[in-house]
N, C-alpha and C. Protein backbone atom coordinates (compact mmCIF):
# COMPACT_ATOMS: atom_id res chain seq x y z
N GLN A 1 -7.56 -18.69 6.20
CA GLN A 1 -7.68 -17.89 4.50
C GLN A 1 -7.21 -16.28 4.87
N VAL A 2 -6.35 -15.58 4.31
CA VAL A 2 -6.29 -14.55 4.20
C VAL A 2 -6.60 -13.21 3.45
N GLN A 3 -7.50 -12.61 3.84
CA GLN A 3 -7.96 -11.18 2.72
C GLN A 3 -7.12 -9.71 3.03
N VAL A 4 -7.19 -9.16 1.62
CA VAL A 4 -6.28 -8.35 1.54
C VAL A 4 -6.92 -7.07 1.35
N VAL A 5 -7.70 -5.56 2.03
CA VAL A 5 -8.66 -5.70 1.29
C VAL A 5 -8.22 -3.70 1.57
N GLU A 6 -7.90 -2.95 -0.42
CA GLU A 6 -7.21 -1.93 -0.02
C GLU A 6 -8.58 -0.87 -0.54
N SER A 7 -8.85 0.48 0.19
CA SER A 7 -9.59 1.57 0.41
C SER A 7 -8.47 2.64 -0.31
N GLY A 8 -9.10 3.26 -0.25
CA GLY A 8 -9.44 5.03 0.20
C GLY A 8 -9.07 5.76 -1.30
N GLY A 9 -8.70 5.06 -2.25
CA GLY A 9 -8.48 6.05 -3.46
C GLY A 9 -9.44 6.99 -4.50
N GLY A 10 -9.09 7.00 -4.91
CA GLY A 10 -9.86 8.36 -5.70
C GLY A 10 -10.07 9.11 -6.65
N LEU A 11 -10.00 10.30 -6.94
CA LEU A 11 -10.06 11.41 -8.07
C LEU A 11 -9.48 12.59 -7.84
N VAL A 12 -8.33 13.39 -7.49
CA VAL A 12 -7.78 14.07 -6.99
C VAL A 12 -7.09 14.99 -7.49
N GLN A 13 -6.36 16.64 -7.65
CA GLN A 13 -6.09 17.60 -8.41
C GLN A 13 -4.97 17.22 -8.47
N PRO A 14 -4.05 17.26 -9.34
CA PRO A 14 -1.77 17.92 -8.81
C PRO A 14 -2.07 18.45 -7.32
N GLY A 15 -1.05 18.18 -6.89
CA GLY A 15 -0.88 19.33 -5.57
C GLY A 15 -1.86 18.66 -4.41
N GLY A 16 -2.42 17.75 -5.09
CA GLY A 16 -3.14 17.32 -3.88
C GLY A 16 -2.71 16.07 -2.87
N SER A 17 -3.61 16.24 -1.90
CA SER A 17 -3.30 14.59 -1.22
C SER A 17 -4.59 13.62 -0.94
N LEU A 18 -4.17 12.11 -0.81
CA LEU A 18 -5.12 11.71 -0.21
C LEU A 18 -4.50 10.33 0.08
N THR A 19 -5.60 9.46 1.20
CA THR A 19 -4.00 8.90 2.20
C THR A 19 -5.05 6.67 1.93
N VAL A 20 -4.32 6.46 1.62
CA VAL A 20 -5.05 4.93 1.02
C VAL A 20 -5.28 3.76 1.65
N SER A 21 -5.14 3.37 2.57
CA SER A 21 -5.48 1.90 3.54
C SER A 21 -5.97 0.91 3.08
N CYS A 22 -5.37 -0.22 3.75
CA CYS A 22 -4.70 -1.71 3.24
C CYS A 22 -5.42 -2.51 4.75
N VAL A 23 -6.14 -3.07 4.72
CA VAL A 23 -5.98 -4.13 5.78
C VAL A 23 -6.44 -5.25 5.59
N VAL A 24 -6.02 -6.61 6.43
CA VAL A 24 -5.23 -7.56 6.54
C VAL A 24 -6.22 -8.61 7.24
N THR A 25 -6.95 -9.48 6.69
CA THR A 25 -7.87 -9.81 7.97
C THR A 25 -7.76 -11.30 7.28
N GLY A 26 -8.36 -11.92 8.45
CA GLY A 26 -8.25 -14.06 8.79
C GLY A 26 -7.87 -14.32 8.79
N MET A 27 -7.45 -15.82 9.25
CA MET A 27 -6.92 -16.96 10.17
C MET A 27 -5.37 -16.70 9.07
N PHE A 28 -4.75 -15.90 10.82
CA PHE A 28 -3.04 -15.82 10.48
C PHE A 28 -1.89 -15.80 12.28
N ILE A 29 -0.91 -15.60 11.50
CA ILE A 29 -0.30 -15.72 12.61
C ILE A 29 -0.16 -14.73 13.28
N ARG A 30 1.24 -14.29 12.43
CA ARG A 30 0.92 -12.73 12.56
C ARG A 30 1.76 -11.95 10.77
N ILE A 31 2.25 -10.91 11.10
CA ILE A 31 2.06 -10.00 9.88
C ILE A 31 3.28 -9.92 9.50
N HIS A 32 4.00 -9.57 8.59
CA HIS A 32 5.45 -9.39 8.93
C HIS A 32 5.50 -8.11 8.37
N ASP A 33 6.25 -7.72 7.00
CA ASP A 33 6.60 -6.63 5.68
C ASP A 33 5.20 -6.32 5.27
N MET A 34 4.98 -4.70 5.29
CA MET A 34 3.74 -4.36 4.48
C MET A 34 4.18 -3.84 3.42
N ASP A 35 4.01 -4.46 2.31
CA ASP A 35 4.27 -3.13 1.20
C ASP A 35 3.62 -2.42 0.29
N TRP A 36 3.65 -1.08 0.07
CA TRP A 36 2.78 -0.48 -1.48
C TRP A 36 3.17 -1.27 -2.73
N HIS A 37 2.34 -1.36 -3.76
CA HIS A 37 3.01 -0.86 -4.92
C HIS A 37 2.04 -0.61 -5.80
N ARG A 38 2.31 0.42 -6.92
CA ARG A 38 1.22 0.34 -8.54
C ARG A 38 1.84 -0.10 -9.31
N GLN A 39 0.49 0.16 -10.18
CA GLN A 39 0.60 -0.27 -11.39
C GLN A 39 -0.34 0.56 -12.23
N ALA A 40 0.44 1.87 -12.67
CA ALA A 40 0.33 2.92 -13.69
C ALA A 40 -0.30 2.52 -15.82
N PRO A 41 -0.72 2.75 -15.87
CA PRO A 41 -1.74 2.40 -17.08
C PRO A 41 -0.53 1.71 -18.22
N GLY A 42 -0.35 0.84 -18.65
CA GLY A 42 0.70 0.34 -19.68
C GLY A 42 1.96 -0.16 -19.44
N LYS A 43 2.22 0.29 -18.13
CA LYS A 43 3.59 0.26 -16.96
C LYS A 43 3.08 -1.43 -16.61
N GLN A 44 4.24 -1.78 -15.74
CA GLN A 44 4.72 -2.93 -15.04
C GLN A 44 4.64 -2.45 -13.50
N ARG A 45 4.02 -3.27 -12.00
CA ARG A 45 3.58 -2.97 -11.46
C ARG A 45 4.76 -2.62 -10.35
N GLU A 46 4.96 -1.53 -9.89
CA GLU A 46 6.47 -1.44 -9.04
C GLU A 46 6.03 -0.96 -7.70
N TRP A 47 7.24 -1.21 -7.24
CA TRP A 47 7.17 -1.08 -5.29
C TRP A 47 7.62 0.19 -4.90
N ILE A 48 6.46 0.50 -4.01
CA ILE A 48 6.65 2.62 -4.05
C ILE A 48 7.36 2.24 -2.02
N ALA A 49 6.56 1.53 -1.55
CA ALA A 49 6.77 1.81 0.06
C ALA A 49 6.81 0.73 0.70
N GLY A 50 7.21 0.70 1.85
CA GLY A 50 6.97 -0.49 2.58
C GLY A 50 7.52 -0.27 4.23
N VAL A 51 6.60 -0.90 5.48
CA VAL A 51 6.89 -0.66 6.26
C VAL A 51 7.50 -2.28 6.80
N SER A 52 8.79 -2.34 8.05
CA SER A 52 8.57 -3.62 8.06
C SER A 52 8.09 -4.20 9.86
N THR A 53 8.43 -4.51 10.48
CA THR A 53 7.47 -5.39 11.33
C THR A 53 8.54 -4.47 12.61
N GLY A 54 9.32 -4.23 12.15
CA GLY A 54 9.82 -3.00 13.09
C GLY A 54 9.50 -1.31 13.27
N GLY A 55 8.76 -0.78 12.16
CA GLY A 55 8.22 0.04 12.57
C GLY A 55 9.12 0.90 10.77
N GLY A 56 10.00 0.36 10.78
CA GLY A 56 11.18 0.61 9.89
C GLY A 56 10.48 1.58 8.24
N ALA A 57 10.54 2.11 7.84
CA ALA A 57 9.68 2.38 6.45
C ALA A 57 10.81 3.15 5.01
N ASN A 58 10.82 2.17 4.42
CA ASN A 58 11.47 2.87 3.39
C ASN A 58 10.70 3.35 1.62
N TYR A 59 11.42 3.98 1.04
CA TYR A 59 10.72 4.16 0.08
C TYR A 59 11.39 4.60 -1.91
N LEU A 60 10.44 4.32 -2.44
CA LEU A 60 10.95 4.24 -4.58
C LEU A 60 11.26 6.00 -3.88
N ASP A 61 12.12 6.10 -5.15
CA ASP A 61 12.85 7.68 -4.56
C ASP A 61 12.28 8.70 -4.82
N SER A 62 11.01 8.26 -6.17
CA SER A 62 10.37 9.41 -6.87
C SER A 62 9.11 9.75 -5.85
N VAL A 63 8.23 8.90 -4.93
CA VAL A 63 7.91 9.72 -3.97
C VAL A 63 8.52 10.00 -2.84
N LYS A 64 10.26 9.60 -2.18
CA LYS A 64 10.14 10.25 -1.29
C LYS A 64 10.22 11.35 -1.09
N ASP A 65 9.61 11.88 0.39
CA ASP A 65 10.05 12.96 0.61
C ASP A 65 8.19 13.79 0.35
N ARG A 66 7.04 13.30 -0.22
CA ARG A 66 5.95 12.86 -0.61
C ARG A 66 4.93 11.96 -0.22
N PHE A 67 5.47 10.44 0.00
CA PHE A 67 4.44 9.71 0.27
C PHE A 67 4.96 9.02 1.71
N THR A 68 3.95 8.99 2.72
CA THR A 68 4.46 8.44 4.13
C THR A 68 3.90 7.51 4.56
N VAL A 69 4.40 5.59 4.50
CA VAL A 69 3.69 4.54 4.68
C VAL A 69 3.87 5.01 6.44
N SER A 70 2.19 4.40 6.92
CA SER A 70 2.55 3.70 8.89
C SER A 70 2.11 2.51 8.70
N LYS A 71 1.35 2.33 10.12
CA LYS A 71 0.09 0.80 9.91
C LYS A 71 -0.04 0.90 10.97
N ASP A 72 -0.84 0.29 11.46
CA ASP A 72 -1.44 0.22 13.06
C ASP A 72 -1.64 -1.10 13.30
N ASN A 73 -0.54 -2.21 14.20
CA ASN A 73 -0.82 -3.44 14.19
C ASN A 73 -2.46 -3.71 15.08
N ALA A 74 -2.45 -2.81 16.60
CA ALA A 74 -3.96 -3.51 16.91
C ALA A 74 -4.78 -3.51 15.40
N LYS A 75 -4.62 -2.97 14.31
CA LYS A 75 -6.04 -3.07 13.41
C LYS A 75 -5.18 -3.75 12.44
N ASN A 76 -4.43 -4.36 12.14
CA ASN A 76 -4.02 -4.57 11.19
C ASN A 76 -3.76 -4.20 9.11
N THR A 77 -4.08 -2.37 9.45
CA THR A 77 -3.75 -1.99 8.88
C THR A 77 -3.04 -1.28 8.22
N VAL A 78 -1.63 -1.83 6.97
CA VAL A 78 -1.47 -0.91 7.28
C VAL A 78 -1.89 1.07 5.90
N TYR A 79 -1.50 2.28 5.89
CA TYR A 79 -1.99 3.50 5.35
C TYR A 79 -0.67 3.72 4.45
N LEU A 80 -1.61 3.96 3.54
CA LEU A 80 0.03 5.87 2.50
C LEU A 80 -0.88 6.31 2.64
N GLN A 81 0.15 7.56 2.88
CA GLN A 81 -0.06 9.16 2.90
C GLN A 81 0.25 9.57 1.63
N MET A 82 -0.20 9.98 1.11
CA MET A 82 1.00 10.80 -0.15
C MET A 82 0.19 12.37 -0.77
N ASN A 83 1.60 13.10 -0.55
CA ASN A 83 1.31 14.46 -0.63
C ASN A 83 2.00 14.68 -1.94
N ASN A 84 1.24 16.05 -2.20
CA ASN A 84 1.72 16.96 -3.23
C ASN A 84 1.30 15.54 -4.84
N LEU A 85 0.32 14.97 -4.71
CA LEU A 85 0.13 14.21 -5.08
C LEU A 85 0.77 14.89 -6.89
N LYS A 86 1.10 13.94 -8.19
CA LYS A 86 1.19 14.77 -9.69
C LYS A 86 0.69 14.00 -10.25
N PRO A 87 0.43 14.16 -11.44
CA PRO A 87 -0.18 13.13 -12.60
C PRO A 87 0.02 11.88 -13.31
N GLU A 88 1.58 11.64 -13.03
CA GLU A 88 2.34 10.80 -13.09
C GLU A 88 2.05 9.51 -11.75
N ASP A 89 1.97 9.66 -10.58
CA ASP A 89 1.51 8.86 -9.69
C ASP A 89 -0.54 8.04 -10.00
N THR A 90 -0.65 8.89 -11.15
CA THR A 90 -1.99 7.88 -11.31
C THR A 90 -1.66 6.46 -11.65
N ALA A 91 -1.89 5.13 -10.94
CA ALA A 91 -2.20 4.21 -11.08
C ALA A 91 -3.12 3.23 -9.77
N VAL A 92 -2.97 1.98 -9.56
CA VAL A 92 -3.54 1.06 -9.60
C VAL A 92 -2.86 0.75 -8.73
N TYR A 93 -2.84 1.04 -7.50
CA TYR A 93 -2.19 1.08 -5.95
C TYR A 93 -2.48 -0.36 -4.97
N TYR A 94 -1.42 -1.17 -4.66
CA TYR A 94 -1.80 -2.70 -4.39
C TYR A 94 -1.00 -2.81 -2.84
N CYS A 95 -1.75 -3.19 -2.33
CA CYS A 95 -1.51 -3.56 -0.70
C CYS A 95 -0.45 -5.34 -0.88
N ASN A 96 0.81 -5.26 -0.50
CA ASN A 96 1.24 -6.37 -0.46
C ASN A 96 1.96 -6.78 0.70
N PRO A 97 1.27 -7.81 1.64
CA PRO A 97 1.85 -7.60 3.14
C PRO A 97 2.71 -9.29 3.28
N VAL A 98 2.95 -9.51 3.97
CA VAL A 98 3.64 -10.50 4.47
C VAL A 98 3.00 -11.39 5.25
N VAL A 99 2.52 -12.76 5.28
CA VAL A 99 1.42 -12.78 6.10
C VAL A 99 1.96 -13.78 6.52
N GLU A 100 2.12 -14.41 8.03
CA GLU A 100 2.43 -15.51 8.24
C GLU A 100 1.45 -16.77 8.43
N THR A 101 1.05 -17.44 8.43
CA THR A 101 0.22 -18.36 8.71
C THR A 101 0.38 -19.95 9.18
N LEU A 102 -0.56 -20.54 9.55
CA LEU A 102 -0.29 -22.29 10.36
C LEU A 102 -0.08 -22.59 8.49
N GLY A 103 -1.02 -22.64 8.11
CA GLY A 103 -0.67 -23.74 6.76
C GLY A 103 0.14 -23.83 5.54
N SER A 104 0.25 -22.44 5.24
CA SER A 104 1.20 -21.89 4.28
C SER A 104 2.08 -21.06 4.71
N GLY A 105 2.79 -21.07 6.17
CA GLY A 105 3.78 -20.61 6.41
C GLY A 105 4.43 -18.48 6.37
N ILE A 106 4.73 -18.98 5.50
CA ILE A 106 5.41 -17.05 5.69
C ILE A 106 5.32 -17.02 3.76
N LYS A 107 4.63 -15.88 3.76
CA LYS A 107 4.16 -15.14 2.21
C LYS A 107 3.39 -14.05 2.19
N GLY A 108 3.62 -13.89 0.87
CA GLY A 108 3.02 -12.52 0.52
C GLY A 108 1.98 -12.91 0.01
N TYR A 109 0.38 -11.82 0.56
CA TYR A 109 -0.96 -11.38 0.00
C TYR A 109 -1.02 -10.89 -1.50
N TRP A 110 -1.93 -10.12 -1.91
CA TRP A 110 -2.07 -8.66 -2.68
C TRP A 110 -3.85 -8.83 -2.39
N GLY A 111 -4.31 -7.51 -2.24
CA GLY A 111 -5.40 -7.30 -2.73
C GLY A 111 -6.12 -6.73 -4.21
N GLN A 112 -6.80 -6.21 -4.54
CA GLN A 112 -7.51 -6.38 -5.12
C GLN A 112 -7.47 -5.04 -6.20
N GLY A 113 -6.98 -3.95 -4.77
CA GLY A 113 -5.76 -2.65 -5.19
C GLY A 113 -7.04 -0.95 -5.35
N THR A 114 -6.52 -0.18 -5.14
CA THR A 114 -7.45 0.91 -5.51
C THR A 114 -7.29 1.76 -6.64
N GLN A 115 -8.22 2.29 -7.16
CA GLN A 115 -7.53 3.21 -8.35
C GLN A 115 -7.55 4.79 -7.72
N VAL A 116 -6.38 5.77 -8.17
CA VAL A 116 -6.02 6.45 -7.72
C VAL A 116 -5.56 7.48 -8.93
N ALA A 117 -6.44 8.43 -9.17
CA ALA A 117 -6.43 9.17 -10.28
C ALA A 117 -5.38 10.77 -10.39
N VAL A 118 -4.75 11.39 -10.58
CA VAL A 118 -4.73 12.98 -10.54
C VAL A 118 -4.23 13.39 -11.85
N SER A 119 -5.84 14.38 -11.98
CA SER A 119 -5.81 15.06 -12.87
C SER A 119 -6.63 16.09 -12.87
N SER A 120 -5.99 17.35 -13.31
CA SER A 120 -6.97 18.84 -13.26
C SER A 120 -8.48 18.33 -14.19
């Protein structure tokens, strides 16, 4: 069974920085792509960034140049460093790794999310 746990959320002032993390644990063969999504109050969940197996990263235009996604393969962990945060970045941030297991093949998993609030 695969578990996905996000951490690092909190309250930050506009213009500030925060790094959220996501660790994948359990029985699996390998982790493929690892994505970050967020869901703001009253809005649909949206994809914001992802890092591929090879390390290449992609970003939603609205966070490009402010957010950086990275991963530590040895720790099965993906990070999202967020700089110059804006009130509109307030949301619950979710990790969505694509994980390969013997029983379920290759599929995406979700964590419980971590809350990020940007406010003065």
